[in-house]
Amino acid sequence: MLGLRALVWTLAEPNRAQRLLDVTGLGPADLKASAGDPATLAALLGFLQAHEPDLIACAAEIGVEPAALVAAHRELEA
């Protein structure tokens, strides 16, 4: 659930959403089709983790500590 909340936050801003697509190589249709897939959510959380300002802003907006997003990323990659 945390990954989906982070995904919604990421997609809410067009430039950030485009960066996600560029970095992951996913197209909009691919992202829509795989939004609930653990690998896609892990890629999203890795994207946020790689850019600390986004990680911190996302965590604040969805009401969690940044460490919770990092832990979710680790869990999804396992």
PDB file of N, CA and C in Angstrom:
ATOM      1  N   MET A   1       0.823  -1.200   0.000  1.00  0.00           N
ATOM      2  CA  MET A   1       0.000   0.000   0.000  1.00  0.00           C
ATOM      3  C   MET A   1       0.866   1.263   0.000  1.00  0.00           C
ATOM      4  N   LEU A   2       1.956   1.214   0.736  1.00  0.00           N
ATOM      5  CA  LEU A   2       2.851   2.369   0.804  1.00  0.00           C
ATOM      6  C   LEU A   2       3.409   2.705  -0.582  1.00  0.00           C
ATOM      7  N   GLY A   3       3.768   1.679  -1.333  1.00  0.00           N
ATOM      8  CA  GLY A   3       4.275   1.901  -2.682  1.00  0.00           C
ATOM      9  C   GLY A   3       3.245   2.551  -3.591  1.00  0.00           C
ATOM     10  N   LEU A   4       2.006   2.141  -3.467  1.00  0.00           N
ATOM     11  CA  LEU A   4       0.944   2.747  -4.289  1.00  0.00           C
ATOM     12  C   LEU A   4       0.716   4.206  -3.914  1.00  0.00           C
ATOM     13  N   ARG A   5       0.769   4.507  -2.629  1.00  0.00           N
ATOM     14  CA  ARG A   5       0.619   5.899  -2.193  1.00  0.00           C
ATOM     15  C   ARG A   5       1.761   6.752  -2.737  1.00  0.00           C
ATOM     16  N   ALA A   6       2.970   6.198  -2.715  1.00  0.00           N
ATOM     17  CA  ALA A   6       4.128   6.908  -3.259  1.00  0.00           C
ATOM     18  C   ALA A   6       3.992   7.086  -4.768  1.00  0.00           C
ATOM     19  N   LEU A   7       3.436   6.096  -5.441  1.00  0.00           N
ATOM     20  CA  LEU A   7       3.224   6.196  -6.882  1.00  0.00           C
ATOM     21  C   LEU A   7       2.247   7.325  -7.206  1.00  0.00           C
ATOM     22  N   VAL A   8       1.164   7.395  -6.484  1.00  0.00           N
ATOM     23  CA  VAL A   8       0.185   8.462  -6.702  1.00  0.00           C
ATOM     24  C   VAL A   8       0.842   9.822  -6.500  1.00  0.00           C
ATOM     25  N   TRP A   9       1.632   9.944  -5.438  1.00  0.00           N
ATOM     26  CA  TRP A   9       2.331  11.204  -5.172  1.00  0.00           C
ATOM     27  C   TRP A   9       3.265  11.536  -6.335  1.00  0.00           C
ATOM     28  N   THR A  10       4.012  10.568  -6.799  1.00  0.00           N
ATOM     29  CA  THR A  10       4.983  10.786  -7.870  1.00  0.00           C
ATOM     30  C   THR A  10       4.297  11.241  -9.153  1.00  0.00           C
ATOM     31  N   LEU A  11       3.183  10.625  -9.472  1.00  0.00           N
ATOM     32  CA  LEU A  11       2.490  10.942 -10.723  1.00  0.00           C
ATOM     33  C   LEU A  11       1.704  12.244 -10.674  1.00  0.00           C
ATOM     34  N   ALA A  12       1.533  12.813  -9.492  1.00  0.00           N
ATOM     35  CA  ALA A  12       0.748  14.038  -9.345  1.00  0.00           C
ATOM     36  C   ALA A  12       1.435  15.259  -9.961  1.00  0.00           C
ATOM     37  N   GLU A  13       2.728  15.180 -10.177  1.00  0.00           N
ATOM     38  CA  GLU A  13       3.469  16.312 -10.730  1.00  0.00           C
ATOM     39  C   GLU A  13       4.046  15.870 -12.079  1.00  0.00           C
ATOM     40  N   PRO A  14       3.636  16.508 -13.176  1.00  0.00           N
ATOM     41  CA  PRO A  14       4.020  16.033 -14.516  1.00  0.00           C
ATOM     42  C   PRO A  14       5.523  15.883 -14.753  1.00  0.00           C
ATOM     43  N   ASN A  15       6.336  16.827 -14.315  1.00  0.00           N
ATOM     44  CA  ASN A  15       7.778  16.716 -14.556  1.00  0.00           C
ATOM     45  C   ASN A  15       8.370  15.533 -13.799  1.00  0.00           C
ATOM     46  N   ARG A  16       7.926  15.339 -12.574  1.00  0.00           N
ATOM     47  CA  ARG A  16       8.408  14.205 -11.768  1.00  0.00           C
ATOM     48  C   ARG A  16       7.940  12.893 -12.393  1.00  0.00           C
ATOM     49  N   ALA A  17       6.702  12.856 -12.848  1.00  0.00           N
ATOM     50  CA  ALA A  17       6.167  11.657 -13.500  1.00  0.00           C
ATOM     51  C   ALA A  17       6.974  11.327 -14.746  1.00  0.00           C
ATOM     52  N   GLN A  18       7.323  12.338 -15.521  1.00  0.00           N
ATOM     53  CA  GLN A  18       8.114  12.108 -16.735  1.00  0.00           C
ATOM     54  C   GLN A  18       9.507  11.599 -16.385  1.00  0.00           C
ATOM     55  N   ARG A  19      10.113  12.148 -15.325  1.00  0.00           N
ATOM     56  CA  ARG A  19      11.419  11.645 -14.888  1.00  0.00           C
ATOM     57  C   ARG A  19      11.333  10.173 -14.516  1.00  0.00           C
ATOM     58  N   LEU A  20      10.246   9.788 -13.822  1.00  0.00           N
ATOM     59  CA  LEU A  20      10.058   8.383 -13.460  1.00  0.00           C
ATOM     60  C   LEU A  20      10.010   7.516 -14.708  1.00  0.00           C
ATOM     61  N   LEU A  21       9.245   7.927 -15.692  1.00  0.00           N
ATOM     62  CA  LEU A  21       9.148   7.155 -16.931  1.00  0.00           C
ATOM     63  C   LEU A  21      10.497   7.080 -17.631  1.00  0.00           C
ATOM     64  N   ASP A  22      11.215   8.193 -17.671  1.00  0.00           N
ATOM     65  CA  ASP A  22      12.517   8.221 -18.329  1.00  0.00           C
ATOM     66  C   ASP A  22      13.521   7.305 -17.627  1.00  0.00           C
ATOM     67  N   VAL A  23      13.537   7.346 -16.306  1.00  0.00           N
ATOM     68  CA  VAL A  23      14.508   6.566 -15.533  1.00  0.00           C
ATOM     69  C   VAL A  23      14.183   5.075 -15.574  1.00  0.00           C
ATOM     70  N   THR A  24      12.908   4.735 -15.488  1.00  0.00           N
ATOM     71  CA  THR A  24      12.531   3.317 -15.449  1.00  0.00           C
ATOM     72  C   THR A  24      12.403   2.695 -16.830  1.00  0.00           C
ATOM     73  N   GLY A  25      12.234   3.521 -17.847  1.00  0.00           N
ATOM     74  CA  GLY A  25      12.042   2.989 -19.190  1.00  0.00           C
ATOM     75  C   GLY A  25      10.614   2.529 -19.448  1.00  0.00           C
ATOM     76  N   LEU A  26       9.742   2.731 -18.486  1.00  0.00           N
ATOM     77  CA  LEU A  26       8.334   2.359 -18.658  1.00  0.00           C
ATOM     78  C   LEU A  26       7.611   3.421 -19.468  1.00  0.00           C
ATOM     79  N   GLY A  27       6.640   2.993 -20.243  1.00  0.00           N
ATOM     80  CA  GLY A  27       5.745   3.922 -20.907  1.00  0.00           C
ATOM     81  C   GLY A  27       4.505   4.091 -20.042  1.00  0.00           C
ATOM     82  N   PRO A  28       3.698   5.102 -20.313  1.00  0.00           N
ATOM     83  CA  PRO A  28       2.488   5.307 -19.510  1.00  0.00           C
ATOM     84  C   PRO A  28       1.590   4.069 -19.445  1.00  0.00           C
ATOM     85  N   ALA A  29       1.415   3.390 -20.570  1.00  0.00           N
ATOM     86  CA  ALA A  29       0.558   2.194 -20.578  1.00  0.00           C
ATOM     87  C   ALA A  29       1.176   1.068 -19.758  1.00  0.00           C
ATOM     88  N   ASP A  30       2.504   0.932 -19.856  1.00  0.00           N
ATOM     89  CA  ASP A  30       3.202  -0.089 -19.061  1.00  0.00           C
ATOM     90  C   ASP A  30       3.034   0.181 -17.571  1.00  0.00           C
ATOM     91  N   LEU A  31       3.201   1.438 -17.202  1.00  0.00           N
ATOM     92  CA  LEU A  31       3.084   1.808 -15.793  1.00  0.00           C
ATOM     93  C   LEU A  31       1.677   1.550 -15.281  1.00  0.00           C
ATOM     94  N   LYS A  32       0.697   1.915 -16.074  1.00  0.00           N
ATOM     95  CA  LYS A  32      -0.695   1.686 -15.675  1.00  0.00           C
ATOM     96  C   LYS A  32      -0.977   0.196 -15.503  1.00  0.00           C
ATOM     97  N   ALA A  33      -0.493  -0.606 -16.423  1.00  0.00           N
ATOM     98  CA  ALA A  33      -0.743  -2.046 -16.390  1.00  0.00           C
ATOM     99  C   ALA A  33      -0.018  -2.739 -15.238  1.00  0.00           C
ATOM    100  N   SER A  34       1.104  -2.184 -14.811  1.00  0.00           N
ATOM    101  CA  SER A  34       1.907  -2.858 -13.785  1.00  0.00           C
ATOM    102  C   SER A  34       1.962  -2.106 -12.465  1.00  0.00           C
ATOM    103  N   ALA A  35       1.053  -1.175 -12.248  1.00  0.00           N
ATOM    104  CA  ALA A  35       1.103  -0.325 -11.060  1.00  0.00           C
ATOM    105  C   ALA A  35       1.101  -1.110  -9.754  1.00  0.00           C
ATOM    106  N   GLY A  36       0.453  -2.245  -9.702  1.00  0.00           N
ATOM    107  CA  GLY A  36       0.413  -3.031  -8.472  1.00  0.00           C
ATOM    108  C   GLY A  36       1.484  -4.099  -8.387  1.00  0.00           C
ATOM    109  N   ASP A  37       2.319  -4.203  -9.405  1.00  0.00           N
ATOM    110  CA  ASP A  37       3.364  -5.220  -9.450  1.00  0.00           C
ATOM    111  C   ASP A  37       4.504  -4.843  -8.491  1.00  0.00           C
ATOM    112  N   PRO A  38       4.946  -5.781  -7.662  1.00  0.00           N
ATOM    113  CA  PRO A  38       6.028  -5.476  -6.717  1.00  0.00           C
ATOM    114  C   PRO A  38       7.298  -4.941  -7.388  1.00  0.00           C
ATOM    115  N   ALA A  39       7.631  -5.444  -8.569  1.00  0.00           N
ATOM    116  CA  ALA A  39       8.831  -4.959  -9.256  1.00  0.00           C
ATOM    117  C   ALA A  39       8.679  -3.494  -9.670  1.00  0.00           C
ATOM    118  N   THR A  40       7.510  -3.119 -10.123  1.00  0.00           N
ATOM    119  CA  THR A  40       7.257  -1.730 -10.510  1.00  0.00           C
ATOM    120  C   THR A  40       7.306  -0.828  -9.284  1.00  0.00           C
ATOM    121  N   LEU A  41       6.693  -1.263  -8.199  1.00  0.00           N
ATOM    122  CA  LEU A  41       6.709  -0.462  -6.980  1.00  0.00           C
ATOM    123  C   LEU A  41       8.119  -0.351  -6.412  1.00  0.00           C
ATOM    124  N   ALA A  42       8.899  -1.418  -6.531  1.00  0.00           N
ATOM    125  CA  ALA A  42      10.295  -1.362  -6.090  1.00  0.00           C
ATOM    126  C   ALA A  42      11.072  -0.354  -6.936  1.00  0.00           C
ATOM    127  N   ALA A  43      10.838  -0.353  -8.243  1.00  0.00           N
ATOM    128  CA  ALA A  43      11.502   0.609  -9.126  1.00  0.00           C
ATOM    129  C   ALA A  43      11.112   2.034  -8.748  1.00  0.00           C
ATOM    130  N   LEU A  44       9.846   2.255  -8.452  1.00  0.00           N
ATOM    131  CA  LEU A  44       9.384   3.579  -8.040  1.00  0.00           C
ATOM    132  C   LEU A  44      10.073   4.014  -6.755  1.00  0.00           C
ATOM    133  N   LEU A  45      10.097   3.138  -5.765  1.00  0.00           N
ATOM    134  CA  LEU A  45      10.716   3.498  -4.487  1.00  0.00           C
ATOM    135  C   LEU A  45      12.217   3.698  -4.650  1.00  0.00           C
ATOM    136  N   GLY A  46      12.846   2.942  -5.532  1.00  0.00           N
ATOM    137  CA  GLY A  46      14.256   3.162  -5.838  1.00  0.00           C
ATOM    138  C   GLY A  46      14.472   4.517  -6.496  1.00  0.00           C
ATOM    139  N   PHE A  47      13.553   4.891  -7.368  1.00  0.00           N
ATOM    140  CA  PHE A  47      13.582   6.211  -8.012  1.00  0.00           C
ATOM    141  C   PHE A  47      13.526   7.312  -6.962  1.00  0.00           C
ATOM    142  N   LEU A  48      12.630   7.180  -6.004  1.00  0.00           N
ATOM    143  CA  LEU A  48      12.522   8.181  -4.938  1.00  0.00           C
ATOM    144  C   LEU A  48      13.764   8.182  -4.060  1.00  0.00           C
ATOM    145  N   GLN A  49      14.248   7.011  -3.741  1.00  0.00           N
ATOM    146  CA  GLN A  49      15.416   6.890  -2.881  1.00  0.00           C
ATOM    147  C   GLN A  49      16.661   7.508  -3.538  1.00  0.00           C
ATOM    148  N   ALA A  50      16.736   7.460  -4.848  1.00  0.00           N
ATOM    149  CA  ALA A  50      17.891   8.000  -5.569  1.00  0.00           C
ATOM    150  C   ALA A  50      17.905   9.526  -5.600  1.00  0.00           C
ATOM    151  N   HIS A  51      16.778  10.141  -5.282  1.00  0.00           N
ATOM    152  CA  HIS A  51      16.693  11.617  -5.280  1.00  0.00           C
ATOM    153  C   HIS A  51      16.103  12.045  -3.940  1.00  0.00           C
ATOM    154  N   GLU A  52      16.989  12.282  -2.982  1.00  0.00           N
ATOM    155  CA  GLU A  52      16.575  12.520  -1.600  1.00  0.00           C
ATOM    156  C   GLU A  52      15.505  13.608  -1.435  1.00  0.00           C
ATOM    157  N   PRO A  53      15.564  14.722  -2.180  1.00  0.00           N
ATOM    158  CA  PRO A  53      14.491  15.711  -2.014  1.00  0.00           C
ATOM    159  C   PRO A  53      13.098  15.136  -2.300  1.00  0.00           C
ATOM    160  N   ASP A  54      12.994  14.295  -3.325  1.00  0.00           N
ATOM    161  CA  ASP A  54      11.706  13.664  -3.629  1.00  0.00           C
ATOM    162  C   ASP A  54      11.321  12.663  -2.544  1.00  0.00           C
ATOM    163  N   LEU A  55      12.291  11.901  -2.060  1.00  0.00           N
ATOM    164  CA  LEU A  55      12.023  10.930  -0.999  1.00  0.00           C
ATOM    165  C   LEU A  55      11.459  11.627   0.231  1.00  0.00           C
ATOM    166  N   ILE A  56      12.085  12.711   0.627  1.00  0.00           N
ATOM    167  CA  ILE A  56      11.649  13.445   1.816  1.00  0.00           C
ATOM    168  C   ILE A  56      10.283  14.088   1.587  1.00  0.00           C
ATOM    169  N   ALA A  57      10.092  14.697   0.423  1.00  0.00           N
ATOM    170  CA  ALA A  57       8.812  15.355   0.127  1.00  0.00           C
ATOM    171  C   ALA A  57       7.677  14.344   0.056  1.00  0.00           C
ATOM    172  N   CYS A  58       7.927  13.217  -0.573  1.00  0.00           N
ATOM    173  CA  CYS A  58       6.903  12.175  -0.672  1.00  0.00           C
ATOM    174  C   CYS A  58       6.535  11.664   0.717  1.00  0.00           C
ATOM    175  N   ALA A  59       7.536  11.360   1.504  1.00  0.00           N
ATOM    176  CA  ALA A  59       7.286  10.850   2.849  1.00  0.00           C
ATOM    177  C   ALA A  59       6.453  11.840   3.662  1.00  0.00           C
ATOM    178  N   ALA A  60       6.809  13.105   3.597  1.00  0.00           N
ATOM    179  CA  ALA A  60       6.059  14.130   4.335  1.00  0.00           C
ATOM    180  C   ALA A  60       4.617  14.201   3.860  1.00  0.00           C
ATOM    181  N   GLU A  61       4.423  14.160   2.554  1.00  0.00           N
ATOM    182  CA  GLU A  61       3.069  14.278   1.994  1.00  0.00           C
ATOM    183  C   GLU A  61       2.182  13.093   2.357  1.00  0.00           C
ATOM    184  N   ILE A  62       2.753  11.891   2.368  1.00  0.00           N
ATOM    185  CA  ILE A  62       1.907  10.725   2.667  1.00  0.00           C
ATOM    186  C   ILE A  62       1.940  10.343   4.146  1.00  0.00           C
ATOM    187  N   GLY A  63       2.673  11.123   4.941  1.00  0.00           N
ATOM    188  CA  GLY A  63       2.617  10.958   6.390  1.00  0.00           C
ATOM    189  C   GLY A  63       3.430   9.816   6.962  1.00  0.00           C
ATOM    190  N   VAL A  64       4.594   9.553   6.359  1.00  0.00           N
ATOM    191  CA  VAL A  64       5.486   8.518   6.888  1.00  0.00           C
ATOM    192  C   VAL A  64       6.898   9.080   6.963  1.00  0.00           C
ATOM    193  N   GLU A  65       7.759   8.361   7.654  1.00  0.00           N
ATOM    194  CA  GLU A  65       9.171   8.732   7.693  1.00  0.00           C
ATOM    195  C   GLU A  65       9.833   8.261   6.396  1.00  0.00           C
ATOM    196  N   PRO A  66      10.833   8.999   5.908  1.00  0.00           N
ATOM    197  CA  PRO A  66      11.553   8.536   4.724  1.00  0.00           C
ATOM    198  C   PRO A  66      12.092   7.112   4.886  1.00  0.00           C
ATOM    199  N   ALA A  67      12.494   6.763   6.085  1.00  0.00           N
ATOM    200  CA  ALA A  67      13.012   5.411   6.333  1.00  0.00           C
ATOM    201  C   ALA A  67      11.971   4.342   6.032  1.00  0.00           C
ATOM    202  N   ALA A  68      10.702   4.663   6.178  1.00  0.00           N
ATOM    203  CA  ALA A  68       9.647   3.693   5.869  1.00  0.00           C
ATOM    204  C   ALA A  68       9.613   3.398   4.372  1.00  0.00           C
ATOM    205  N   LEU A  69       9.845   4.412   3.557  1.00  0.00           N
ATOM    206  CA  LEU A  69       9.894   4.204   2.109  1.00  0.00           C
ATOM    207  C   LEU A  69      11.126   3.388   1.716  1.00  0.00           C
ATOM    208  N   VAL A  70      12.238   3.669   2.373  1.00  0.00           N
ATOM    209  CA  VAL A  70      13.463   2.907   2.105  1.00  0.00           C
ATOM    210  C   VAL A  70      13.262   1.448   2.502  1.00  0.00           C
ATOM    211  N   ALA A  71      12.632   1.221   3.656  1.00  0.00           N
ATOM    212  CA  ALA A  71      12.373  -0.152   4.113  1.00  0.00           C
ATOM    213  C   ALA A  71      11.415  -0.874   3.163  1.00  0.00           C
ATOM    214  N   ALA A  72      10.406  -0.171   2.674  1.00  0.00           N
ATOM    215  CA  ALA A  72       9.470  -0.779   1.728  1.00  0.00           C
ATOM    216  C   ALA A  72      10.198  -1.156   0.441  1.00  0.00           C
ATOM    217  N   HIS A  73      11.106  -0.316   0.008  1.00  0.00           N
ATOM    218  CA  HIS A  73      11.902  -0.612  -1.188  1.00  0.00           C
ATOM    219  C   HIS A  73      12.717  -1.885  -0.973  1.00  0.00           C
ATOM    220  N   ARG A  74      13.374  -1.965   0.153  1.00  0.00           N
ATOM    221  CA  ARG A  74      14.185  -3.148   0.474  1.00  0.00           C
ATOM    222  C   ARG A  74      13.316  -4.412   0.503  1.00  0.00           C
ATOM    223  N   GLU A  75      12.141  -4.292   1.100  1.00  0.00           N
ATOM    224  CA  GLU A  75      11.233  -5.443   1.216  1.00  0.00           C
ATOM    225  C   GLU A  75      10.730  -5.906  -0.147  1.00  0.00           C
ATOM    226  N   LEU A  76      10.401  -4.965  -1.014  1.00  0.00           N
ATOM    227  CA  LEU A  76       9.909  -5.306  -2.345  1.00  0.00           C
ATOM    228  C   LEU A  76      11.001  -5.920  -3.218  1.00  0.00           C
ATOM    229  N   GLU A  77      12.236  -5.535  -2.984  1.00  0.00           N
ATOM    230  CA  GLU A  77      13.327  -6.093  -3.773  1.00  0.00           C
ATOM    231  C   GLU A  77      13.753  -7.482  -3.309  1.00  0.00           C
ATOM    232  N   ALA A  78      13.364  -7.853  -2.101  1.00  0.00           N
ATOM    233  CA  ALA A  78      13.775  -9.155  -1.550  1.00  0.00           C
ATOM    234  C   ALA A  78      13.096 -10.316  -2.250  1.00  0.00           C
TER     235      ALA A  78
END
